[in-house]
Amino acid sequence: MKIAITGHTNGIGQAIYARLVNTNSLLGLSRSNGYDISNVNRIIETVKDHDVFINNAYHDLCQEQLLLRLHTLWCNQQKLIINIGSAVTDYPRLEQHLDDQPWPYREHKQILQTTFRRLSQQSSKCRLVLVSPGATDTAMIQHLDCKKISPKKIAQAVELVLNNPYIREITVYEK
């Protein structure tokens, strides 16, 4: 199985890459090896012949654009797109004093979630999955004092999705 993942050198993407690298043909796409997620055309061209795309790296609306474009390309093929969303789409900010301020990250993840759910209702051979982690122990929120799930556990959830075709949407939290 040929798998491609964006953002494979940090955080959740790094954990997923490390978990899957020994059992699959795996291609990591990050700025460190010349791939910028904002260059959607280049990412699509690179992954079009893969079986699985893990849409992990975050930058503005690029995840949603990648989902839309790749789903259009793959809709008549037995392929899989795993989108890494976020539980912040449904819950208040951990920094409650900022809750009334604009939060582009949340807005972009909500758009990804909405697009995923809309596309999931369409007839397609391409399987779509949304993995929504709760607070995750990454550099993005290292300054927050809260329960955080390990990126390795998110990687386990992604592996579970790969091996269980009946999963469409999953939320993962630290217990």
Protein backbone atom coordinates (compact mmCIF):
# COMPACT_ATOMS: atom_id res chain seq x y z
CA MET A 1 0.00 0.00 0.00
CA LYS A 2 1.38 3.40 -1.00
CA ILE A 3 0.73 6.03 1.67
CA ALA A 4 1.56 9.74 1.59
CA ILE A 5 1.40 12.05 4.61
CA THR A 6 1.81 15.80 4.94
CA GLY A 7 3.73 17.25 7.86
CA HIS A 8 5.71 14.11 8.64
CA THR A 9 8.58 15.76 10.53
CA ASN A 10 6.79 17.21 13.58
CA GLY A 11 4.07 16.44 16.09
CA ILE A 12 1.21 14.20 15.01
CA GLY A 13 2.58 13.69 11.49
CA GLN A 14 5.96 12.58 12.81
CA ALA A 15 4.28 10.06 15.13
CA ILE A 16 2.11 8.68 12.31
CA TYR A 17 5.10 8.44 9.99
CA ALA A 18 7.17 6.61 12.62
CA ARG A 19 4.33 4.16 13.30
CA LEU A 20 3.69 3.31 9.64
CA VAL A 21 7.13 3.56 8.04
CA ASN A 22 8.16 -0.09 8.56
CA THR A 23 4.99 -1.70 7.22
CA ASN A 24 4.11 0.38 4.15
CA SER A 25 5.52 2.28 1.22
CA LEU A 26 5.43 5.69 2.89
CA LEU A 27 6.09 9.14 1.46
CA GLY A 28 6.45 12.11 3.81
CA LEU A 29 5.72 15.57 2.47
CA SER A 30 7.04 18.47 4.56
CA ARG A 31 8.88 21.73 4.09
CA SER A 32 12.01 19.91 5.27
CA ASN A 33 12.05 17.87 2.04
CA GLY A 34 10.78 20.58 -0.30
CA TYR A 35 7.00 20.22 0.01
CA ASP A 36 4.96 23.19 1.14
CA ILE A 37 1.33 22.33 1.88
CA SER A 38 0.27 25.69 0.45
CA ASN A 39 1.39 24.41 -2.97
CA VAL A 40 -1.71 22.24 -3.34
CA ASN A 41 -1.05 21.47 -7.02
CA ARG A 42 2.38 20.02 -6.26
CA ILE A 43 1.05 17.89 -3.40
CA ILE A 44 -1.79 16.53 -5.58
CA GLU A 45 0.57 15.77 -8.46
CA THR A 46 2.93 13.93 -6.09
CA VAL A 47 0.29 11.80 -4.35
CA LYS A 48 -2.13 11.05 -7.20
CA ASP A 49 -0.83 7.49 -7.67
CA HIS A 50 -0.87 6.61 -3.96
CA ASP A 51 -3.52 4.49 -2.26
CA VAL A 52 -3.82 6.50 0.95
CA PHE A 53 -3.37 10.19 1.68
CA ILE A 54 -3.05 11.36 5.27
CA ASN A 55 -4.06 15.03 5.22
CA ASN A 56 -2.23 16.10 8.37
CA ALA A 57 -0.24 19.34 8.00
CA TYR A 58 -2.16 22.48 8.89
CA HIS A 59 -1.89 25.80 7.05
CA ASP A 60 -4.94 28.02 6.67
CA LEU A 61 -7.47 26.30 4.37
CA CYS A 62 -4.95 24.06 2.60
CA GLN A 63 -6.24 20.86 4.25
CA GLU A 64 -9.73 21.55 2.95
CA GLN A 65 -8.39 22.37 -0.52
CA LEU A 66 -6.37 19.14 -0.57
CA LEU A 67 -9.42 17.14 0.51
CA LEU A 68 -11.61 18.69 -2.20
CA ARG A 69 -9.09 18.31 -5.00
CA LEU A 70 -7.98 14.79 -4.11
CA HIS A 71 -11.52 13.56 -3.57
CA THR A 72 -12.46 14.87 -7.02
CA LEU A 73 -9.47 13.02 -8.50
CA TRP A 74 -10.06 9.78 -6.55
CA CYS A 75 -13.87 9.62 -6.29
CA ASN A 76 -14.08 6.65 -8.70
CA GLN A 77 -11.20 4.73 -7.16
CA GLN A 78 -10.80 2.50 -4.10
CA LYS A 79 -8.59 4.94 -2.22
CA LEU A 80 -8.54 6.45 1.26
CA ILE A 81 -8.15 10.03 2.50
CA ILE A 82 -7.57 10.39 6.24
CA ASN A 83 -8.04 13.96 7.42
CA ILE A 84 -6.56 15.09 10.72
CA GLY A 85 -9.08 17.52 12.14
CA SER A 86 -9.43 18.75 15.70
CA ALA A 87 -11.86 18.47 18.57
CA VAL A 88 -11.65 22.27 18.93
CA THR A 89 -14.42 22.46 16.35
CA ASP A 90 -16.97 21.52 19.02
CA TYR A 91 -15.53 22.68 22.33
CA PRO A 92 -14.54 25.99 23.92
CA ARG A 93 -10.99 27.23 23.92
CA LEU A 94 -8.70 26.03 26.66
CA GLU A 95 -7.58 29.66 27.04
CA GLN A 96 -10.98 30.87 28.17
CA HIS A 97 -9.88 34.50 28.34
CA LEU A 98 -9.44 34.38 24.53
CA ASP A 99 -12.75 32.68 23.74
CA ASP A 100 -14.36 35.81 22.29
CA GLN A 101 -11.47 36.54 19.91
CA PRO A 102 -11.14 35.30 16.31
CA TRP A 103 -9.48 31.92 16.07
CA PRO A 104 -8.53 31.04 12.47
CA TYR A 105 -7.29 27.55 13.44
CA ARG A 106 -10.73 26.60 14.78
CA GLU A 107 -12.47 28.16 11.78
CA HIS A 108 -10.26 26.27 9.33
CA LYS A 109 -10.74 22.95 11.15
CA GLN A 110 -14.52 23.56 11.18
CA ILE A 111 -14.42 24.11 7.42
CA LEU A 112 -12.43 20.89 6.99
CA GLN A 113 -14.98 19.03 9.12
CA THR A 114 -17.95 20.48 7.21
CA THR A 115 -16.38 19.66 3.84
CA PHE A 116 -15.52 16.14 5.01
CA ARG A 117 -19.09 15.52 6.18
CA ARG A 118 -20.58 16.90 2.97
CA LEU A 119 -18.31 14.77 0.76
CA SER A 120 -18.92 11.71 2.95
CA GLN A 121 -22.60 11.85 2.00
CA GLN A 122 -21.83 11.64 -1.72
CA SER A 123 -21.63 8.39 -3.60
CA SER A 124 -17.94 7.66 -4.04
CA LYS A 125 -15.56 4.72 -4.09
CA CYS A 126 -12.99 6.84 -2.26
CA ARG A 127 -13.29 6.35 1.49
CA LEU A 128 -13.02 9.46 3.64
CA VAL A 129 -12.16 9.52 7.34
CA LEU A 130 -11.86 12.33 9.88
CA VAL A 131 -9.64 11.83 12.94
CA SER A 132 -10.22 14.62 15.47
CA PRO A 133 -7.72 14.70 18.33
CA GLY A 134 -8.34 16.56 21.53
CA ALA A 135 -5.54 18.61 23.06
CA THR A 136 -2.34 16.97 21.79
CA ASP A 137 1.13 17.22 23.25
CA THR A 138 2.72 19.20 20.42
CA ALA A 139 4.63 22.48 20.15
CA MET A 140 1.42 24.32 19.20
CA ILE A 141 -0.02 24.01 22.71
CA GLN A 142 3.02 23.25 24.85
CA HIS A 143 2.35 26.44 26.84
CA LEU A 144 -1.09 25.26 28.01
CA ASP A 145 -1.59 23.49 31.31
CA CYS A 146 -4.12 20.78 30.49
CA LYS A 147 -4.43 17.06 29.83
CA LYS A 148 -2.79 16.32 26.49
CA ILE A 149 -2.81 13.15 24.46
CA SER A 150 0.45 11.84 23.06
CA PRO A 151 0.90 12.12 19.27
CA LYS A 152 1.74 8.40 19.40
CA LYS A 153 -1.84 7.68 20.45
CA ILE A 154 -3.12 9.68 17.49
CA ALA A 155 -0.87 7.53 15.30
CA GLN A 156 -2.47 4.42 16.84
CA ALA A 157 -5.91 5.82 15.95
CA VAL A 158 -4.78 6.37 12.35
CA GLU A 159 -3.50 2.79 12.18
CA LEU A 160 -6.86 1.62 13.55
CA VAL A 161 -8.60 3.55 10.76
CA LEU A 162 -6.31 1.97 8.15
CA ASN A 163 -7.20 -1.51 9.37
CA ASN A 164 -10.93 -0.99 9.93
CA PRO A 165 -12.90 0.16 6.90
CA TYR A 166 -16.07 0.69 8.94
CA ILE A 167 -14.63 3.75 10.73
CA ARG A 168 -15.63 7.07 9.18
CA GLU A 169 -15.08 9.54 12.00
CA ILE A 170 -13.22 9.22 15.29
CA THR A 171 -12.37 11.59 18.15
CA VAL A 172 -9.36 10.80 20.32
CA TYR A 173 -8.72 12.18 23.82
CA GLU A 174 -6.44 11.59 26.76
CA LYS A 175 -8.36 9.75 29.47
